[in-house]
Amino acid sequence: MVARVAHKDLWIIRHGEPDVPMNSWRITRDEFNHYLLAYDQAGLSQAEAERLRLQYQAYPQPDLVLASDLPRALETAKLYARGTPVFTDPVLREVPVELPSQSTWFLNGRWPKRVWWSYLRAAWFRGLQAESPALSRKRARAAVEFIEAHRGQSRQMAVVSHSGFLLIVVNQLHRQHQIAGPFLPSIDFGRPTGYQWLGKLQSQAHD
């Protein structure tokens, strides 16, 4: 018997783990950039899809699911939706990152994958990626508008996106006093974090 999860209005979900093999422990910049491309093209493995299918049986059936259009997010969204509508938009994609091409002792080295990820996060905070923090926050505001546009159609909504971008979106929703719940959603693959809507829709404020 599956234990049921308490009702929430909104579920924020990082996609499931994509099916991207990475055999080498220490890899070069070019190998890591190829890994990033493969990561964006990858869906879920059969084992991961089955894990999520069983996990989501405990959660309330959503009325609709909003998702990034990248394969790992869309496949996760369909599993969580369990037959209800899924609407995708590129505005919910992850913050785009890439290791730069310049030559330095660090960038010319071989490092574990976690070291490269840490470098990318630091570079984003310093505005050294194609999408700066300011641009990411602007896109997050557009994502919030996309979510709001569908809110009135649903008593049970889920949003499936990517860990870094979801942190920015949830921050925007909290700053606008639209939700109650954790300030940091789970970044575990496929694990939902529940929220409650606060107040009325902005479109309903003058009714």
C-alpha atoms as a PDB file:
ATOM      1  CA  MET A   1       0.000   0.000   0.000  1.00  0.00           C
ATOM      2  CA  VAL A   2       1.350   3.435  -0.984  1.00  0.00           C
ATOM      3  CA  ALA A   3       1.290   6.109   1.753  1.00  0.00           C
ATOM      4  CA  ARG A   4      -0.493   9.199   0.451  1.00  0.00           C
ATOM      5  CA  VAL A   5       1.164  12.619   0.466  1.00  0.00           C
ATOM      6  CA  ALA A   6      -0.738  15.588   1.939  1.00  0.00           C
ATOM      7  CA  HIS A   7      -2.627  17.879  -0.441  1.00  0.00           C
ATOM      8  CA  LYS A   8      -0.828  20.967  -1.774  1.00  0.00           C
ATOM      9  CA  ASP A   9      -1.855  23.490  -4.443  1.00  0.00           C
ATOM     10  CA  LEU A  10       1.466  23.542  -6.295  1.00  0.00           C
ATOM     11  CA  TRP A  11       4.215  20.980  -6.659  1.00  0.00           C
ATOM     12  CA  ILE A  12       7.676  22.062  -7.775  1.00  0.00           C
ATOM     13  CA  ILE A  13       9.688  19.185  -9.255  1.00  0.00           C
ATOM     14  CA  ARG A  14      13.199  18.857 -10.550  1.00  0.00           C
ATOM     15  CA  HIS A  15      13.356  16.458 -13.505  1.00  0.00           C
ATOM     16  CA  GLY A  16      14.389  12.845 -13.030  1.00  0.00           C
ATOM     17  CA  GLU A  17      17.988  11.738 -13.495  1.00  0.00           C
ATOM     18  CA  PRO A  18      18.857  11.814 -17.210  1.00  0.00           C
ATOM     19  CA  ASP A  19      20.345   8.774 -18.880  1.00  0.00           C
ATOM     20  CA  VAL A  20      23.847  10.150 -19.521  1.00  0.00           C
ATOM     21  CA  PRO A  21      26.803   7.829 -18.856  1.00  0.00           C
ATOM     22  CA  MET A  22      30.013   9.378 -17.582  1.00  0.00           C
ATOM     23  CA  ASN A  23      32.711   6.755 -17.218  1.00  0.00           C
ATOM     24  CA  SER A  24      35.812   8.837 -16.593  1.00  0.00           C
ATOM     25  CA  TRP A  25      36.346  10.333 -13.147  1.00  0.00           C
ATOM     26  CA  ARG A  26      38.633  13.147 -14.329  1.00  0.00           C
ATOM     27  CA  ILE A  27      37.661  14.748 -17.620  1.00  0.00           C
ATOM     28  CA  THR A  28      38.810  17.651 -19.806  1.00  0.00           C
ATOM     29  CA  ARG A  29      36.934  20.865 -20.542  1.00  0.00           C
ATOM     30  CA  ASP A  30      35.928  19.614 -24.000  1.00  0.00           C
ATOM     31  CA  GLU A  31      34.724  16.306 -22.584  1.00  0.00           C
ATOM     32  CA  PHE A  32      32.635  18.137 -20.002  1.00  0.00           C
ATOM     33  CA  ASN A  33      31.112  20.457 -22.628  1.00  0.00           C
ATOM     34  CA  HIS A  34      30.191  17.378 -24.689  1.00  0.00           C
ATOM     35  CA  TYR A  35      28.661  15.943 -21.527  1.00  0.00           C
ATOM     36  CA  LEU A  36      26.548  19.105 -21.110  1.00  0.00           C
ATOM     37  CA  LEU A  37      25.230  18.739 -24.664  1.00  0.00           C
ATOM     38  CA  ALA A  38      24.396  15.080 -24.083  1.00  0.00           C
ATOM     39  CA  TYR A  39      22.708  16.001 -20.783  1.00  0.00           C
ATOM     40  CA  ASP A  40      20.336  18.391 -22.574  1.00  0.00           C
ATOM     41  CA  GLN A  41      19.493  15.792 -25.218  1.00  0.00           C
ATOM     42  CA  ALA A  42      18.948  12.897 -22.812  1.00  0.00           C
ATOM     43  CA  GLY A  43      15.709  11.489 -21.506  1.00  0.00           C
ATOM     44  CA  LEU A  44      15.193   9.111 -18.586  1.00  0.00           C
ATOM     45  CA  SER A  45      16.371   5.532 -18.418  1.00  0.00           C
ATOM     46  CA  GLN A  46      13.739   2.823 -18.142  1.00  0.00           C
ATOM     47  CA  ALA A  47      14.805   2.179 -14.549  1.00  0.00           C
ATOM     48  CA  GLU A  48      14.515   5.872 -13.618  1.00  0.00           C
ATOM     49  CA  ALA A  49      11.108   6.159 -15.278  1.00  0.00           C
ATOM     50  CA  GLU A  50       9.870   3.152 -13.311  1.00  0.00           C
ATOM     51  CA  ARG A  51      11.265   4.574 -10.064  1.00  0.00           C
ATOM     52  CA  LEU A  52       9.411   7.840 -10.608  1.00  0.00           C
ATOM     53  CA  ARG A  53       6.211   6.124 -11.714  1.00  0.00           C
ATOM     54  CA  LEU A  54       6.069   4.223  -8.428  1.00  0.00           C
ATOM     55  CA  GLN A  55       7.036   7.297  -6.373  1.00  0.00           C
ATOM     56  CA  TYR A  56       4.343   9.483  -7.925  1.00  0.00           C
ATOM     57  CA  GLN A  57       1.548   7.075  -6.992  1.00  0.00           C
ATOM     58  CA  ALA A  58       1.669   8.665  -3.525  1.00  0.00           C
ATOM     59  CA  TYR A  59       0.986  12.180  -4.843  1.00  0.00           C
ATOM     60  CA  PRO A  60      -2.382  13.788  -5.690  1.00  0.00           C
ATOM     61  CA  GLN A  61      -3.451  13.594  -9.313  1.00  0.00           C
ATOM     62  CA  PRO A  62      -2.671  17.008 -10.887  1.00  0.00           C
ATOM     63  CA  ASP A  63      -5.140  18.906 -13.043  1.00  0.00           C
ATOM     64  CA  LEU A  64      -2.266  20.017 -15.272  1.00  0.00           C
ATOM     65  CA  VAL A  65       1.519  20.047 -15.384  1.00  0.00           C
ATOM     66  CA  LEU A  66       3.786  22.783 -16.738  1.00  0.00           C
ATOM     67  CA  ALA A  67       7.234  21.735 -17.908  1.00  0.00           C
ATOM     68  CA  SER A  68      10.452  22.630 -19.621  1.00  0.00           C
ATOM     69  CA  ASP A  69      10.534  21.222 -23.141  1.00  0.00           C
ATOM     70  CA  LEU A  70      13.883  19.465 -22.629  1.00  0.00           C
ATOM     71  CA  PRO A  71      13.507  15.653 -22.761  1.00  0.00           C
ATOM     72  CA  ARG A  72      14.415  14.894 -19.139  1.00  0.00           C
ATOM     73  CA  ALA A  73      11.828  17.390 -17.856  1.00  0.00           C
ATOM     74  CA  LEU A  74       9.086  16.516 -20.329  1.00  0.00           C
ATOM     75  CA  GLU A  75       9.366  12.785 -19.633  1.00  0.00           C
ATOM     76  CA  THR A  76       9.255  13.450 -15.888  1.00  0.00           C
ATOM     77  CA  ALA A  77       6.223  15.711 -16.339  1.00  0.00           C
ATOM     78  CA  LYS A  78       4.314  13.035 -18.260  1.00  0.00           C
ATOM     79  CA  LEU A  79       5.028  10.509 -15.511  1.00  0.00           C
ATOM     80  CA  TYR A  80       3.779  12.907 -12.829  1.00  0.00           C
ATOM     81  CA  ALA A  81       0.753  13.947 -14.923  1.00  0.00           C
ATOM     82  CA  ARG A  82      -0.559  10.395 -15.185  1.00  0.00           C
ATOM     83  CA  GLY A  83      -2.666  11.261 -18.202  1.00  0.00           C
ATOM     84  CA  THR A  84      -3.609  14.856 -17.402  1.00  0.00           C
ATOM     85  CA  PRO A  85      -2.501  17.718 -19.702  1.00  0.00           C
ATOM     86  CA  VAL A  86       1.158  18.754 -19.897  1.00  0.00           C
ATOM     87  CA  PHE A  87       2.045  22.195 -21.273  1.00  0.00           C
ATOM     88  CA  THR A  88       5.662  22.949 -22.176  1.00  0.00           C
ATOM     89  CA  ASP A  89       7.548  26.188 -22.694  1.00  0.00           C
ATOM     90  CA  PRO A  90      11.279  26.895 -23.241  1.00  0.00           C
ATOM     91  CA  VAL A  91      11.003  29.630 -20.603  1.00  0.00           C
ATOM     92  CA  LEU A  92      11.286  26.820 -18.009  1.00  0.00           C
ATOM     93  CA  ARG A  93      14.613  25.516 -19.343  1.00  0.00           C
ATOM     94  CA  GLU A  94      17.718  25.387 -17.170  1.00  0.00           C
ATOM     95  CA  VAL A  95      20.161  28.296 -17.064  1.00  0.00           C
ATOM     96  CA  PRO A  96      22.463  27.660 -20.078  1.00  0.00           C
ATOM     97  CA  VAL A  97      26.111  27.159 -19.139  1.00  0.00           C
ATOM     98  CA  GLU A  98      29.320  26.187 -20.917  1.00  0.00           C
ATOM     99  CA  LEU A  99      32.997  26.071 -20.050  1.00  0.00           C
ATOM    100  CA  PRO A 100      34.899  28.869 -21.850  1.00  0.00           C
ATOM    101  CA  SER A 101      37.471  28.288 -24.570  1.00  0.00           C
ATOM    102  CA  GLN A 102      40.327  30.420 -23.218  1.00  0.00           C
ATOM    103  CA  SER A 103      43.545  28.752 -22.088  1.00  0.00           C
ATOM    104  CA  THR A 104      44.361  28.761 -18.357  1.00  0.00           C
ATOM    105  CA  TRP A 105      46.081  26.242 -16.107  1.00  0.00           C
ATOM    106  CA  PHE A 106      42.704  25.340 -14.622  1.00  0.00           C
ATOM    107  CA  LEU A 107      40.685  25.108 -17.836  1.00  0.00           C
ATOM    108  CA  ASN A 108      43.430  23.041 -19.476  1.00  0.00           C
ATOM    109  CA  GLY A 109      43.346  20.464 -16.679  1.00  0.00           C
ATOM    110  CA  ARG A 110      41.426  17.281 -16.001  1.00  0.00           C
ATOM    111  CA  TRP A 111      38.969  17.553 -13.100  1.00  0.00           C
ATOM    112  CA  PRO A 112      36.120  15.574 -11.558  1.00  0.00           C
ATOM    113  CA  LYS A 113      32.674  16.479 -12.843  1.00  0.00           C
ATOM    114  CA  ARG A 114      31.707  18.122  -9.526  1.00  0.00           C
ATOM    115  CA  VAL A 115      34.672  20.524  -9.859  1.00  0.00           C
ATOM    116  CA  TRP A 116      33.524  21.618 -13.312  1.00  0.00           C
ATOM    117  CA  TRP A 117      29.968  22.139 -11.991  1.00  0.00           C
ATOM    118  CA  SER A 118      31.331  24.316  -9.180  1.00  0.00           C
ATOM    119  CA  TYR A 119      33.310  26.369 -11.704  1.00  0.00           C
ATOM    120  CA  LEU A 120      30.162  26.907 -13.807  1.00  0.00           C
ATOM    121  CA  ARG A 121      28.148  28.074 -10.791  1.00  0.00           C
ATOM    122  CA  ALA A 122      30.876  30.546  -9.833  1.00  0.00           C
ATOM    123  CA  ALA A 123      31.107  31.804 -13.430  1.00  0.00           C
ATOM    124  CA  TRP A 124      27.327  32.339 -13.561  1.00  0.00           C
ATOM    125  CA  PHE A 125      27.319  34.348 -10.325  1.00  0.00           C
ATOM    126  CA  ARG A 126      30.101  36.520 -11.758  1.00  0.00           C
ATOM    127  CA  GLY A 127      28.109  37.127 -14.957  1.00  0.00           C
ATOM    128  CA  LEU A 128      30.527  35.139 -17.127  1.00  0.00           C
ATOM    129  CA  GLN A 129      27.943  32.956 -18.852  1.00  0.00           C
ATOM    130  CA  ALA A 130      25.718  33.688 -21.863  1.00  0.00           C
ATOM    131  CA  GLU A 131      22.780  34.148 -19.474  1.00  0.00           C
ATOM    132  CA  SER A 132      23.767  36.397 -16.565  1.00  0.00           C
ATOM    133  CA  PRO A 133      22.007  36.349 -13.170  1.00  0.00           C
ATOM    134  CA  ALA A 134      20.043  39.430 -14.255  1.00  0.00           C
ATOM    135  CA  LEU A 135      18.870  37.694 -17.448  1.00  0.00           C
ATOM    136  CA  SER A 136      18.012  34.527 -15.501  1.00  0.00           C
ATOM    137  CA  ARG A 137      15.894  36.556 -13.074  1.00  0.00           C
ATOM    138  CA  LYS A 138      14.161  38.267 -16.006  1.00  0.00           C
ATOM    139  CA  ARG A 139      13.371  34.870 -17.543  1.00  0.00           C
ATOM    140  CA  ALA A 140      12.149  33.644 -14.151  1.00  0.00           C
ATOM    141  CA  ARG A 141       9.659  36.518 -14.078  1.00  0.00           C
ATOM    142  CA  ALA A 142       8.407  35.365 -17.477  1.00  0.00           C
ATOM    143  CA  ALA A 143       8.176  31.817 -16.100  1.00  0.00           C
ATOM    144  CA  VAL A 144       6.096  33.076 -13.171  1.00  0.00           C
ATOM    145  CA  GLU A 145       3.747  34.780 -15.648  1.00  0.00           C
ATOM    146  CA  PHE A 146       3.463  31.473 -17.546  1.00  0.00           C
ATOM    147  CA  ILE A 147       2.578  29.699 -14.289  1.00  0.00           C
ATOM    148  CA  GLU A 148       0.061  32.399 -13.315  1.00  0.00           C
ATOM    149  CA  ALA A 149      -1.606  32.166 -16.724  1.00  0.00           C
ATOM    150  CA  HIS A 150      -2.496  28.537 -15.967  1.00  0.00           C
ATOM    151  CA  ARG A 151      -3.192  28.849 -12.263  1.00  0.00           C
ATOM    152  CA  GLY A 152      -6.892  29.601 -12.670  1.00  0.00           C
ATOM    153  CA  GLN A 153      -7.354  26.370 -14.648  1.00  0.00           C
ATOM    154  CA  SER A 154      -6.084  24.144 -11.861  1.00  0.00           C
ATOM    155  CA  ARG A 155      -6.577  23.265  -8.207  1.00  0.00           C
ATOM    156  CA  GLN A 156      -3.620  20.868  -8.397  1.00  0.00           C
ATOM    157  CA  MET A 157      -0.693  22.109 -10.515  1.00  0.00           C
ATOM    158  CA  ALA A 158       2.856  20.846 -10.912  1.00  0.00           C
ATOM    159  CA  VAL A 159       5.859  22.585 -12.467  1.00  0.00           C
ATOM    160  CA  VAL A 160       8.703  20.402 -13.737  1.00  0.00           C
ATOM    161  CA  SER A 161      11.922  22.209 -14.527  1.00  0.00           C
ATOM    162  CA  HIS A 162      15.614  22.217 -13.567  1.00  0.00           C
ATOM    163  CA  SER A 163      17.330  22.653 -10.224  1.00  0.00           C
ATOM    164  CA  GLY A 164      19.159  25.930 -10.798  1.00  0.00           C
ATOM    165  CA  PHE A 165      16.286  27.667 -12.550  1.00  0.00           C
ATOM    166  CA  LEU A 166      13.669  26.401 -10.090  1.00  0.00           C
ATOM    167  CA  LEU A 167      15.575  28.045  -7.238  1.00  0.00           C
ATOM    168  CA  ILE A 168      15.215  31.387  -9.030  1.00  0.00           C
ATOM    169  CA  VAL A 169      11.528  30.836  -9.869  1.00  0.00           C
ATOM    170  CA  VAL A 170      10.633  29.863  -6.296  1.00  0.00           C
ATOM    171  CA  ASN A 171      12.521  32.905  -5.033  1.00  0.00           C
ATOM    172  CA  GLN A 172      10.458  35.097  -7.373  1.00  0.00           C
ATOM    173  CA  LEU A 173       7.203  33.542  -6.155  1.00  0.00           C
ATOM    174  CA  HIS A 174       8.194  34.105  -2.527  1.00  0.00           C
ATOM    175  CA  ARG A 175       9.275  37.690  -3.187  1.00  0.00           C
ATOM    176  CA  GLN A 176       5.837  38.330  -4.706  1.00  0.00           C
ATOM    177  CA  HIS A 177       4.193  36.691  -1.640  1.00  0.00           C
ATOM    178  CA  GLN A 178       2.390  34.220  -3.888  1.00  0.00           C
ATOM    179  CA  ILE A 179       3.280  30.954  -2.162  1.00  0.00           C
ATOM    180  CA  ALA A 180       3.806  29.453   1.273  1.00  0.00           C
ATOM    181  CA  GLY A 181       6.343  26.675   1.632  1.00  0.00           C
ATOM    182  CA  PRO A 182      10.081  25.983   1.604  1.00  0.00           C
ATOM    183  CA  PHE A 183      12.330  28.711   0.239  1.00  0.00           C
ATOM    184  CA  LEU A 184      14.514  26.021  -1.321  1.00  0.00           C
ATOM    185  CA  PRO A 185      12.721  23.255  -3.250  1.00  0.00           C
ATOM    186  CA  SER A 186      14.265  19.805  -3.257  1.00  0.00           C
ATOM    187  CA  ILE A 187      17.020  19.337  -5.832  1.00  0.00           C
ATOM    188  CA  ASP A 188      16.787  15.545  -5.613  1.00  0.00           C
ATOM    189  CA  PHE A 189      16.012  14.042  -9.003  1.00  0.00           C
ATOM    190  CA  GLY A 190      12.249  13.824  -9.453  1.00  0.00           C
ATOM    191  CA  ARG A 191      11.256  14.672  -5.849  1.00  0.00           C
ATOM    192  CA  PRO A 192       8.255  17.044  -5.557  1.00  0.00           C
ATOM    193  CA  THR A 193       8.163  19.935  -3.064  1.00  0.00           C
ATOM    194  CA  GLY A 194       4.699  21.134  -2.056  1.00  0.00           C
ATOM    195  CA  TYR A 195       3.464  24.747  -1.804  1.00  0.00           C
ATOM    196  CA  GLN A 196       0.211  26.565  -1.075  1.00  0.00           C
ATOM    197  CA  TRP A 197      -0.947  29.562  -3.068  1.00  0.00           C
ATOM    198  CA  LEU A 198      -1.469  32.761  -1.075  1.00  0.00           C
ATOM    199  CA  GLY A 199      -4.267  35.226  -1.852  1.00  0.00           C
ATOM    200  CA  LYS A 200      -6.001  35.704  -5.168  1.00  0.00           C
ATOM    201  CA  LEU A 201      -4.719  35.712  -8.682  1.00  0.00           C
ATOM    202  CA  GLN A 202      -3.479  39.116  -9.807  1.00  0.00           C
ATOM    203  CA  SER A 203      -6.111  39.021 -12.572  1.00  0.00           C
ATOM    204  CA  GLN A 204      -8.806  38.528  -9.920  1.00  0.00           C
ATOM    205  CA  ALA A 205      -7.628  41.369  -7.688  1.00  0.00           C
ATOM    206  CA  HIS A 206      -9.987  43.945  -9.271  1.00  0.00           C
ATOM    207  CA  ASP A 207     -13.040  41.683  -9.645  1.00  0.00           C
END
